[in-house]
Amino acid sequence: MILGAVGDALGFPVESGAVEKIEGFVDWRLKGEIVKKGEYSDDTQLTLATARSIWNGRFHPEYFAYVELPMWVYYQRGAGRSTKKAAMNLFSVRIQWRGNFYMGYEEAGGSGGVMRIHPITEKVKDDENMAVDIFKNIMITHGHPMAFAGAYLVAAASKSERDFKSIYDKFEKLSNIVVNFLSEPGEMSKWLKERKTDFLKGFQNEVEKLKRFFELVNEVSEYGEYCELVGEKDHPGSGRGVSLCAVYLYLKSDPRDAVFKAANEKGTDTDTIASIVGNLFGYSEDFKDLASEVQDGDYIKSLEKSSGLERIVNREEIRNWAMEYEKGLREDKIPTSHPIFGDLELVESRGKRNFFKTEEGQTILL
């Protein structure tokens, strides 16, 4: 996750249009808000939230949906529209994680799911459990088959040898696991019935599209050209585009070159692709300098090594904290604790928001 955070922090200012070309970490502004060198975006925030939702070797959707996502709304940075809508929806205790249907859910096929699955590929060892847990993670926020299929291509790259055939075969295996999982009567039946479209058919069609684009990896020599070919430059940030572009770089470049190419390719979702590429390579000595400077580096490393800590779900506590926090904003009160992160220590004011060091170890803006 540490190199994923590095890629995210490098691509963040380029994606936001604040920097023409990145050669290292820089200070910059996001809609008037100061972003300091090495600070990451929602890509890493949600990856860390996913990692905290894993213990005993499995991803726990209730905790992610009812605790991590609603709390993320308050400290998010650069949030995608669909994920933010999904997270806001989950403040209602009537909404369950298997039925988080907000307006636009069916059309949500963006990169918000793909970018956060890395902890599941690393910590959930069995392919079947991993495939199911990835599905549950994504379905909480996204409903279009594109969001899911792209995630399985990235998962295949993460769990395979670094060559075309190995990734292709693993992608096919994971896709078949998902089809079988959805075809069986059980926990997904109600979710599938409530869909306006035939999700299973749509997923299979999207998998075939990804295969056809992936088969062209060795026929295209330039990264920018491949981004255009797969539609990433026409529709930046789609689950299909970011996954294909990231795996292309993973196969065809060394770690540092791949991450910087991803971070600097204008017209694409630079922070997401660079983050995925970084996570695919894992830690590299080529990035020793930047890994030591990225935001929350020590915390990310500790979370990466951890087998997980069992956490409780208390939706009422989350709602109460949110109401108190919003009341405090009106009264200029600074929060001193957080349901996820524990005690908060104020580091500095950043205009409308304050930068906190948390007991958990992650730094956040509230």
Protein backbone atom coordinates (compact mmCIF):
# COMPACT_ATOMS: atom_id res chain seq x y z
CA MET A 1 0.00 0.00 0.00
CA ILE A 2 2.92 2.34 0.56
CA LEU A 3 3.84 2.57 -3.12
CA GLY A 4 0.16 2.94 -3.95
CA ALA A 5 0.07 5.99 -1.67
CA VAL A 6 3.17 7.35 -3.41
CA GLY A 7 1.55 6.98 -6.82
CA ASP A 8 -1.64 8.59 -5.56
CA ALA A 9 0.24 11.58 -4.09
CA LEU A 10 2.18 12.04 -7.36
CA GLY A 11 -0.85 11.84 -9.64
CA PHE A 12 -3.21 13.87 -7.44
CA PRO A 13 -2.03 17.39 -8.47
CA VAL A 14 -1.83 16.42 -12.16
CA GLU A 15 -5.34 14.95 -12.16
CA SER A 16 -6.61 18.11 -10.47
CA GLY A 17 -4.97 20.32 -13.11
CA ALA A 18 -2.76 22.11 -10.57
CA VAL A 19 0.53 20.82 -12.03
CA GLU A 20 1.56 20.30 -15.66
CA LYS A 21 4.14 17.60 -14.99
CA ILE A 22 5.24 15.93 -11.78
CA GLU A 23 8.83 14.91 -11.02
CA GLY A 24 8.42 14.52 -7.26
CA PHE A 25 6.18 15.65 -4.43
CA VAL A 26 5.11 19.31 -4.49
CA ASP A 27 2.97 21.72 -2.47
CA TRP A 28 -0.17 22.79 -4.35
CA ARG A 29 -3.77 23.94 -3.91
CA LEU A 30 -7.01 22.02 -4.37
CA LYS A 31 -9.90 24.48 -4.74
CA GLY A 32 -8.05 26.92 -2.51
CA GLU A 33 -7.11 24.29 0.08
CA ILE A 34 -3.41 23.69 0.74
CA VAL A 35 -2.14 20.23 -0.17
CA LYS A 36 1.36 19.64 1.12
CA LYS A 37 4.12 17.50 -0.40
CA GLY A 38 3.30 13.79 -0.34
CA GLU A 39 -0.34 14.13 0.76
CA TYR A 40 -2.66 11.60 -0.86
CA SER A 41 -6.25 11.60 -2.09
CA ASP A 42 -9.41 9.56 -1.56
CA ASP A 43 -7.79 6.63 -3.40
CA THR A 44 -5.47 5.93 -0.48
CA GLN A 45 -8.04 6.97 2.11
CA LEU A 46 -10.48 4.32 0.87
CA THR A 47 -7.72 1.73 0.50
CA LEU A 48 -6.84 2.23 4.17
CA ALA A 49 -10.54 2.10 5.10
CA THR A 50 -10.79 -1.24 3.28
CA ALA A 51 -7.68 -2.53 5.08
CA ARG A 52 -9.19 -1.66 8.47
CA SER A 53 -12.29 -3.65 7.47
CA ILE A 54 -10.33 -6.90 7.17
CA TRP A 55 -9.70 -9.25 10.07
CA ASN A 56 -9.59 -13.03 10.51
CA GLY A 57 -8.65 -13.22 6.84
CA ARG A 58 -11.92 -11.78 5.47
CA PHE A 59 -13.37 -8.42 4.47
CA HIS A 60 -16.28 -7.30 6.69
CA PRO A 61 -18.79 -5.29 4.62
CA GLU A 62 -20.90 -4.19 7.60
CA TYR A 63 -18.00 -2.36 9.20
CA PHE A 64 -16.87 -0.78 5.93
CA ALA A 65 -20.40 0.33 5.02
CA TYR A 66 -21.71 1.46 8.39
CA VAL A 67 -18.56 2.93 9.96
CA GLU A 68 -15.74 3.65 7.50
CA LEU A 69 -17.73 5.11 4.61
CA PRO A 70 -19.98 7.52 6.58
CA MET A 71 -16.98 8.79 8.58
CA TRP A 72 -14.90 9.14 5.40
CA VAL A 73 -17.38 11.77 4.14
CA TYR A 74 -15.97 14.24 6.67
CA TYR A 75 -12.28 13.81 5.91
CA GLN A 76 -12.45 12.85 2.22
CA ARG A 77 -10.12 14.51 -0.25
CA GLY A 78 -10.93 14.52 -3.96
CA ALA A 79 -13.93 12.21 -3.56
CA GLY A 80 -15.66 10.68 -6.57
CA ARG A 81 -19.33 11.54 -7.02
CA SER A 82 -20.69 7.97 -6.80
CA THR A 83 -18.71 6.93 -3.73
CA LYS A 84 -19.66 10.11 -1.91
CA LYS A 85 -23.35 9.61 -2.70
CA ALA A 86 -23.15 6.02 -1.51
CA ALA A 87 -21.42 7.03 1.71
CA MET A 88 -23.97 9.77 2.46
CA ASN A 89 -26.80 7.30 1.88
CA LEU A 90 -25.40 4.99 4.56
CA PHE A 91 -26.06 7.48 7.35
CA SER A 92 -29.65 6.24 7.26
CA VAL A 93 -30.05 3.20 9.55
CA ARG A 94 -32.75 1.93 7.18
CA ILE A 95 -30.16 1.40 4.43
CA GLN A 96 -28.40 -1.97 4.41
CA TRP A 97 -25.04 -2.58 2.73
CA ARG A 98 -26.58 -5.10 0.29
CA GLY A 99 -29.14 -2.55 -0.87
CA ASN A 100 -27.44 0.83 -0.94
CA PHE A 101 -29.38 1.98 -4.01
CA TYR A 102 -28.96 5.73 -4.45
CA MET A 103 -29.90 7.73 -7.55
CA GLY A 104 -27.32 6.79 -10.20
CA TYR A 105 -26.24 3.52 -8.55
CA GLU A 106 -26.97 1.42 -11.66
CA GLU A 107 -24.80 3.71 -13.79
CA ALA A 108 -21.91 3.93 -11.31
CA GLY A 109 -19.08 2.18 -13.17
CA GLY A 110 -16.19 4.39 -12.15
CA SER A 111 -12.85 3.64 -10.56
CA GLY A 112 -13.99 4.11 -6.96
CA GLY A 113 -14.15 0.36 -6.40
CA VAL A 114 -11.10 -0.67 -8.40
CA MET A 115 -8.79 1.71 -6.57
CA ARG A 116 -9.44 0.35 -3.06
CA ILE A 117 -9.33 -3.46 -3.45
CA HIS A 118 -5.58 -3.96 -2.93
CA PRO A 119 -5.82 -4.93 0.78
CA ILE A 120 -8.33 -7.65 -0.11
CA THR A 121 -6.01 -9.14 -2.76
CA GLU A 122 -3.20 -9.15 -0.22
CA LYS A 123 -4.98 -10.30 2.93
CA VAL A 124 -7.73 -12.67 1.69
CA LYS A 125 -5.72 -15.64 0.49
CA ASP A 126 -8.20 -18.05 -1.12
CA ASP A 127 -9.25 -17.05 -4.66
CA GLU A 128 -12.94 -17.77 -4.07
CA ASN A 129 -13.08 -15.80 -0.82
CA MET A 130 -11.08 -12.99 -2.38
CA ALA A 131 -13.40 -12.75 -5.41
CA VAL A 132 -16.50 -12.71 -3.19
CA ASP A 133 -15.03 -10.12 -0.81
CA ILE A 134 -14.05 -7.84 -3.70
CA PHE A 135 -17.62 -8.06 -4.99
CA LYS A 136 -19.08 -7.17 -1.60
CA ASN A 137 -16.68 -4.25 -1.23
CA ILE A 138 -17.62 -2.74 -4.58
CA MET A 139 -21.39 -3.36 -4.50
CA ILE A 140 -21.70 -1.08 -1.47
CA THR A 141 -20.90 1.96 -3.64
CA HIS A 142 -21.11 0.97 -7.33
CA GLY A 143 -23.71 -0.90 -9.38
CA HIS A 144 -22.47 -0.99 -12.98
CA PRO A 145 -20.69 -4.17 -14.20
CA MET A 146 -17.75 -2.08 -15.40
CA ALA A 147 -16.75 -1.24 -11.82
CA PHE A 148 -16.57 -4.93 -10.94
CA ALA A 149 -14.90 -6.36 -14.03
CA GLY A 150 -12.09 -3.82 -13.89
CA ALA A 151 -11.41 -4.74 -10.28
CA TYR A 152 -11.03 -8.41 -11.18
CA LEU A 153 -8.49 -7.60 -13.88
CA VAL A 154 -6.42 -5.69 -11.31
CA ALA A 155 -6.87 -8.52 -8.79
CA ALA A 156 -5.72 -11.00 -11.44
CA ALA A 157 -2.56 -8.96 -12.05
CA SER A 158 -1.94 -8.76 -8.31
CA LYS A 159 -2.24 -12.53 -7.83
CA SER A 160 -0.40 -13.73 -10.96
CA GLU A 161 3.05 -13.91 -12.43
CA ARG A 162 3.95 -10.69 -14.23
CA ASP A 163 3.18 -11.89 -17.75
CA PHE A 164 0.24 -11.65 -20.12
CA LYS A 165 -0.93 -15.28 -20.07
CA SER A 166 -0.77 -15.65 -16.32
CA ILE A 167 -2.89 -12.52 -15.79
CA TYR A 168 -5.34 -13.47 -18.56
CA ASP A 169 -5.88 -16.95 -17.11
CA LYS A 170 -6.32 -15.64 -13.56
CA PHE A 171 -8.79 -12.99 -14.78
CA GLU A 172 -10.83 -15.73 -16.44
CA LYS A 173 -10.74 -17.83 -13.26
CA LEU A 174 -11.84 -14.97 -11.01
CA SER A 175 -14.60 -13.95 -13.44
CA ASN A 176 -15.94 -17.50 -13.45
CA ILE A 177 -15.94 -17.55 -9.64
CA VAL A 178 -18.07 -14.39 -9.68
CA VAL A 179 -20.50 -15.81 -12.27
CA ASN A 180 -20.94 -18.97 -10.18
CA PHE A 181 -21.36 -16.93 -7.01
CA LEU A 182 -24.09 -14.80 -8.60
CA SER A 183 -25.80 -17.77 -10.23
CA GLU A 184 -26.37 -19.64 -6.96
CA PRO A 185 -29.42 -18.94 -4.79
CA GLY A 186 -28.34 -17.13 -1.67
CA GLU A 187 -27.18 -13.81 -0.35
CA MET A 188 -27.01 -12.03 -3.72
CA SER A 189 -30.43 -13.16 -5.00
CA LYS A 190 -32.35 -10.19 -3.58
CA TRP A 191 -29.73 -7.72 -4.81
CA LEU A 192 -29.90 -9.17 -8.34
CA LYS A 193 -33.72 -9.16 -8.38
CA GLU A 194 -33.84 -5.50 -7.41
CA ARG A 195 -31.67 -4.50 -10.36
CA LYS A 196 -33.31 -2.76 -13.33
CA THR A 197 -31.05 -4.63 -15.75
CA ASP A 198 -29.62 -8.14 -16.05
CA PHE A 199 -26.45 -7.60 -14.05
CA LEU A 200 -25.01 -11.07 -14.64
CA LYS A 201 -25.29 -10.74 -18.41
CA GLY A 202 -23.82 -7.23 -18.20
CA PHE A 203 -20.90 -8.48 -16.12
CA GLN A 204 -20.12 -11.27 -18.59
CA ASN A 205 -20.25 -8.81 -21.49
CA GLU A 206 -17.91 -6.42 -19.68
CA VAL A 207 -15.45 -9.23 -18.95
CA GLU A 208 -15.35 -10.08 -22.67
CA LYS A 209 -14.71 -6.42 -23.55
CA LEU A 210 -11.84 -6.28 -21.10
CA LYS A 211 -10.34 -9.45 -22.53
CA ARG A 212 -10.42 -8.04 -26.06
CA PHE A 213 -8.73 -4.81 -24.98
CA PHE A 214 -6.23 -6.68 -22.84
CA GLU A 215 -5.26 -8.86 -25.81
CA LEU A 216 -4.00 -5.69 -27.53
CA VAL A 217 -1.46 -4.87 -24.80
CA ASN A 218 1.52 -6.23 -26.77
CA GLU A 219 0.39 -4.58 -30.01
CA VAL A 220 0.55 -1.01 -28.70
CA SER A 221 3.94 0.44 -27.85
CA GLU A 222 2.93 3.80 -26.35
CA TYR A 223 1.08 4.16 -23.09
CA GLY A 224 -0.86 7.26 -24.18
CA GLU A 225 -2.00 5.48 -27.32
CA TYR A 226 -3.24 2.53 -25.28
CA CYS A 227 -5.16 4.89 -22.96
CA GLU A 228 -6.91 6.31 -26.02
CA LEU A 229 -7.61 2.88 -27.43
CA VAL A 230 -9.35 1.58 -24.30
CA GLY A 231 -11.40 4.77 -23.88
CA GLU A 232 -9.70 6.15 -20.78
CA LYS A 233 -9.09 9.52 -22.46
CA ASP A 234 -12.70 9.76 -23.64
CA HIS A 235 -14.12 8.81 -20.25
CA PRO A 236 -11.36 9.19 -17.64
CA GLY A 237 -11.87 7.30 -14.42
CA SER A 238 -13.98 4.40 -15.64
CA GLY A 239 -13.46 1.01 -14.03
CA ARG A 240 -12.55 -0.39 -17.43
CA GLY A 241 -10.08 2.32 -18.41
CA VAL A 242 -8.10 2.62 -15.19
CA SER A 243 -7.71 -1.14 -14.79
CA LEU A 244 -6.51 -1.72 -18.35
CA CYS A 245 -4.12 1.25 -18.28
CA ALA A 246 -2.67 0.22 -14.91
CA VAL A 247 -2.09 -3.38 -15.95
CA TYR A 248 -0.56 -2.21 -19.24
CA LEU A 249 2.09 -0.22 -17.34
CA TYR A 250 2.63 -3.03 -14.85
CA LEU A 251 3.48 -5.39 -17.71
CA LYS A 252 5.54 -3.05 -19.85
CA SER A 253 7.56 -0.74 -17.55
CA ASP A 254 9.78 -0.88 -14.50
CA PRO A 255 8.24 0.41 -11.24
CA ARG A 256 9.48 4.02 -11.19
CA ASP A 257 8.90 4.60 -14.89
CA ALA A 258 5.43 3.04 -14.68
CA VAL A 259 4.28 5.14 -11.73
CA PHE A 260 5.56 8.41 -13.21
CA LYS A 261 4.06 7.64 -16.62
CA ALA A 262 0.71 7.00 -14.95
CA ALA A 263 0.96 10.16 -12.85
CA ASN A 264 1.81 12.37 -15.84
CA GLU A 265 -0.51 11.13 -18.59
CA LYS A 266 -2.93 14.02 -19.02
CA GLY A 267 -6.54 13.24 -19.82
CA THR A 268 -6.51 10.15 -17.61
CA ASP A 269 -7.34 9.46 -13.96
CA THR A 270 -3.69 9.96 -13.03
CA ASP A 271 -3.81 9.50 -9.25
CA THR A 272 -5.95 6.35 -9.43
CA ILE A 273 -3.90 4.67 -12.16
CA ALA A 274 -0.59 5.58 -10.49
CA SER A 275 -1.92 4.26 -7.18
CA ILE A 276 -3.03 0.95 -8.72
CA VAL A 277 0.31 0.58 -10.53
CA GLY A 278 2.19 1.24 -7.29
CA ASN A 279 0.15 -1.35 -5.44
CA LEU A 280 0.70 -3.91 -8.20
CA PHE A 281 4.47 -3.56 -7.96
CA GLY A 282 4.55 -3.40 -4.16
CA TYR A 283 7.47 -1.81 -2.37
CA SER A 284 10.52 -1.02 -4.50
CA GLU A 285 13.90 0.40 -3.47
CA ASP A 286 13.50 2.68 -6.51
CA PHE A 287 10.99 4.61 -4.40
CA LYS A 288 12.83 4.66 -1.10
CA ASP A 289 13.07 8.46 -1.20
CA LEU A 290 9.38 9.08 -1.84
CA ALA A 291 8.17 6.27 0.43
CA SER A 292 9.89 8.02 3.33
CA GLU A 293 8.11 11.32 2.53
CA VAL A 294 4.56 10.22 1.70
CA GLN A 295 1.79 11.12 4.15
CA ASP A 296 1.31 8.55 6.96
CA GLY A 297 4.09 6.31 5.65
CA ASP A 298 4.71 4.59 8.99
CA TYR A 299 0.99 4.03 9.59
CA ILE A 300 0.48 2.59 6.11
CA LYS A 301 3.38 0.18 6.60
CA SER A 302 2.02 -0.97 9.96
CA LEU A 303 -1.48 -1.49 8.52
CA GLU A 304 0.03 -3.38 5.60
CA LYS A 305 1.78 -5.82 7.96
CA SER A 306 -1.15 -6.19 10.36
CA SER A 307 -3.45 -9.21 10.22
CA GLY A 308 -6.27 -6.90 11.27
CA LEU A 309 -8.06 -5.81 14.40
CA GLU A 310 -11.66 -6.90 14.99
CA ARG A 311 -13.81 -3.78 15.19
CA ILE A 312 -17.37 -3.16 16.31
CA VAL A 313 -20.23 -1.67 14.33
CA ASN A 314 -22.31 0.94 16.15
CA ARG A 315 -24.38 2.94 13.68
CA GLU A 316 -25.92 5.05 16.44
CA GLU A 317 -22.46 6.15 17.62
CA ILE A 318 -21.59 7.18 14.07
CA ARG A 319 -24.77 9.23 13.70
CA ASN A 320 -24.28 10.87 17.10
CA TRP A 321 -20.67 11.81 16.33
CA ALA A 322 -21.70 13.28 12.97
CA MET A 323 -24.43 15.41 14.57
CA GLU A 324 -22.07 16.63 17.28
CA TYR A 325 -19.38 17.41 14.73
CA GLU A 326 -21.75 19.44 12.55
CA LYS A 327 -23.05 21.27 15.61
CA GLY A 328 -19.44 21.98 16.59
CA LEU A 329 -18.74 23.49 13.18
CA ARG A 330 -21.51 26.03 13.74
CA GLU A 331 -20.10 26.85 17.18
CA ASP A 332 -16.41 26.89 16.14
CA LYS A 333 -15.63 23.87 18.33
CA ILE A 334 -12.77 21.57 17.40
CA PRO A 335 -13.42 17.81 17.74
CA THR A 336 -11.17 15.94 20.17
CA SER A 337 -12.07 12.33 19.37
CA HIS A 338 -13.27 10.17 16.48
CA PRO A 339 -15.14 6.81 16.33
CA ILE A 340 -12.47 5.22 14.11
CA PHE A 341 -9.28 7.11 14.88
CA GLY A 342 -9.56 7.70 18.63
CA ASP A 343 -8.12 10.87 20.16
CA LEU A 344 -7.43 13.77 17.80
CA GLU A 345 -4.47 16.13 18.15
CA LEU A 346 -4.74 19.42 16.25
CA VAL A 347 -1.64 19.99 14.12
CA GLU A 348 -2.60 23.08 12.13
CA SER A 349 -5.47 25.01 10.60
CA ARG A 350 -5.90 24.72 6.84
CA GLY A 351 -8.47 27.45 6.26
CA LYS A 352 -11.94 25.93 6.51
CA ARG A 353 -10.61 22.60 7.76
CA ASN A 354 -8.18 21.51 10.45
CA PHE A 355 -5.37 18.99 10.11
CA PHE A 356 -5.31 16.37 12.86
CA LYS A 357 -2.90 13.66 13.96
CA THR A 358 -4.95 10.73 15.21
CA GLU A 359 -4.42 8.12 17.91
CA GLU A 360 -4.89 5.41 15.23
CA GLY A 361 -1.96 6.86 13.30
CA GLN A 362 -3.58 8.34 10.20
CA THR A 363 -3.62 12.09 9.64
CA ILE A 364 -6.91 13.66 8.51
CA LEU A 365 -8.50 16.97 7.60
CA LEU A 366 -11.79 17.76 9.32
